[in-house]
């Protein structure tokens, strides 16, 4: 579902902005993964 949103958003952006969007998406995914690992990790105890 999220991939479809990114696809439709990419269409509105020029090719240069597309790289920035992809970088931002990767950063967000990395942050969310880190946050989830922190919540379920030893810190949760």
N, C-alpha and C. Protein backbone atom coordinates (compact mmCIF):
# COMPACT_ATOMS: atom_id res chain seq x y z
N UNK A 1 0.85 -1.21 0.00
CA UNK A 1 0.00 0.00 0.00
C UNK A 1 0.88 1.26 0.00
N UNK A 2 1.88 1.25 0.86
CA UNK A 2 2.79 2.39 0.97
C UNK A 2 3.58 2.58 -0.31
N UNK A 3 3.92 1.45 -0.95
CA UNK A 3 4.69 1.51 -2.20
C UNK A 3 3.90 2.23 -3.28
N UNK A 4 2.58 2.02 -3.28
CA UNK A 4 1.72 2.68 -4.27
C UNK A 4 1.67 4.18 -4.04
N UNK A 5 1.68 4.59 -2.79
CA UNK A 5 1.67 6.01 -2.46
C UNK A 5 2.96 6.67 -2.93
N UNK A 6 4.08 5.99 -2.69
CA UNK A 6 5.38 6.51 -3.12
C UNK A 6 5.43 6.62 -4.63
N UNK A 7 4.87 5.61 -5.32
CA UNK A 7 4.84 5.60 -6.78
C UNK A 7 4.08 6.80 -7.32
N UNK A 8 2.90 7.07 -6.76
CA UNK A 8 2.07 8.18 -7.23
C UNK A 8 2.71 9.52 -6.90
N UNK A 9 3.44 9.57 -5.79
CA UNK A 9 4.12 10.81 -5.41
C UNK A 9 5.30 11.07 -6.33
N UNK A 10 6.01 9.98 -6.68
CA UNK A 10 7.18 10.09 -7.56
C UNK A 10 6.80 10.67 -8.91
N UNK A 11 5.59 10.35 -9.36
CA UNK A 11 5.15 10.80 -10.67
C UNK A 11 5.04 12.32 -10.74
N UNK A 12 4.74 12.94 -9.61
CA UNK A 12 4.58 14.40 -9.57
C UNK A 12 5.92 15.12 -9.49
N UNK A 13 6.94 14.40 -9.06
CA UNK A 13 8.26 15.00 -8.89
C UNK A 13 9.13 14.84 -10.13
N UNK A 14 10.01 15.80 -10.38
CA UNK A 14 11.00 15.66 -11.46
C UNK A 14 12.04 14.60 -11.08
N UNK A 15 12.78 14.07 -12.06
CA UNK A 15 13.78 13.02 -11.79
C UNK A 15 14.77 13.39 -10.69
N UNK A 16 15.11 14.66 -10.56
CA UNK A 16 16.07 15.08 -9.54
C UNK A 16 15.46 14.96 -8.15
N UNK A 17 14.20 15.33 -8.03
CA UNK A 17 13.51 15.24 -6.75
C UNK A 17 13.22 13.80 -6.36
N UNK A 18 13.24 12.92 -7.35
CA UNK A 18 12.95 11.52 -7.12
C UNK A 18 14.03 10.87 -6.26
N UNK A 19 15.29 11.26 -6.50
CA UNK A 19 16.40 10.72 -5.71
C UNK A 19 16.31 11.18 -4.26
N UNK A 20 15.91 12.43 -4.08
CA UNK A 20 15.75 12.98 -2.74
C UNK A 20 14.64 12.25 -2.00
N UNK A 21 13.55 11.97 -2.72
CA UNK A 21 12.40 11.29 -2.14
C UNK A 21 12.78 9.87 -1.72
N UNK A 22 13.57 9.22 -2.57
CA UNK A 22 13.99 7.84 -2.29
C UNK A 22 14.92 7.80 -1.08
N UNK A 23 15.78 8.81 -0.98
CA UNK A 23 16.71 8.91 0.15
C UNK A 23 15.93 9.14 1.44
N UNK A 24 14.91 9.99 1.36
CA UNK A 24 14.08 10.29 2.51
C UNK A 24 13.30 9.06 2.95
N UNK A 25 12.80 8.30 1.98
CA UNK A 25 12.05 7.08 2.28
C UNK A 25 12.94 6.04 2.95
N UNK A 26 14.19 5.94 2.46
CA UNK A 26 15.13 4.99 3.04
C UNK A 26 15.48 5.38 4.47
N UNK A 27 15.65 6.67 4.68
CA UNK A 27 15.95 7.19 6.03
C UNK A 27 14.82 6.90 7.00
N UNK A 28 13.59 7.13 6.54
CA UNK A 28 12.41 6.90 7.37
C UNK A 28 12.28 5.43 7.73
N UNK A 29 12.51 4.56 6.73
CA UNK A 29 12.42 3.12 6.97
C UNK A 29 13.48 2.67 7.98
N UNK A 30 14.67 3.24 7.85
CA UNK A 30 15.76 2.91 8.75
C UNK A 30 15.44 3.36 10.18
N UNK A 31 14.87 4.55 10.29
CA UNK A 31 14.51 5.10 11.60
C UNK A 31 13.42 4.27 12.27
N UNK A 32 12.40 3.89 11.48
CA UNK A 32 11.30 3.09 12.02
C UNK A 32 11.78 1.72 12.46
N UNK A 33 12.71 1.14 11.69
CA UNK A 33 13.27 -0.16 12.04
C UNK A 33 14.07 -0.06 13.33
N UNK A 34 14.87 1.01 13.45
CA UNK A 34 15.68 1.23 14.64
C UNK A 34 14.79 1.43 15.87
N UNK A 35 13.71 2.18 15.68
CA UNK A 35 12.78 2.46 16.76
C UNK A 35 12.11 1.17 17.24
N UNK A 36 11.74 0.30 16.27
CA UNK A 36 11.08 -0.96 16.59
C UNK A 36 12.05 -1.90 17.31
N UNK A 37 13.31 -1.90 16.87
CA UNK A 37 14.32 -2.74 17.51
C UNK A 37 14.58 -2.27 18.94
N UNK A 38 14.54 -0.97 19.13
CA UNK A 38 14.77 -0.40 20.46
C UNK A 38 13.62 -0.74 21.41
N UNK A 39 12.39 -0.75 20.86
CA UNK A 39 11.22 -1.04 21.68
C UNK A 39 11.16 -2.51 22.09
N UNK A 40 11.53 -3.40 21.17
CA UNK A 40 11.46 -4.83 21.44
C UNK A 40 12.76 -5.38 22.00
N UNK A 41 13.79 -4.56 22.03
CA UNK A 41 15.10 -4.99 22.50
C UNK A 41 15.22 -4.95 24.01
N UNK A 42 16.45 -5.08 24.53
CA UNK A 42 16.71 -5.09 25.97
C UNK A 42 16.24 -3.82 26.67
N UNK A 43 16.15 -2.72 25.93
CA UNK A 43 15.75 -1.45 26.51
C UNK A 43 14.29 -1.48 26.97
N UNK A 44 13.49 -2.39 26.39
CA UNK A 44 12.09 -2.50 26.74
C UNK A 44 11.91 -3.01 28.17
N UNK A 45 12.89 -3.79 28.62
CA UNK A 45 12.84 -4.28 29.98
C UNK A 45 13.26 -3.17 30.93
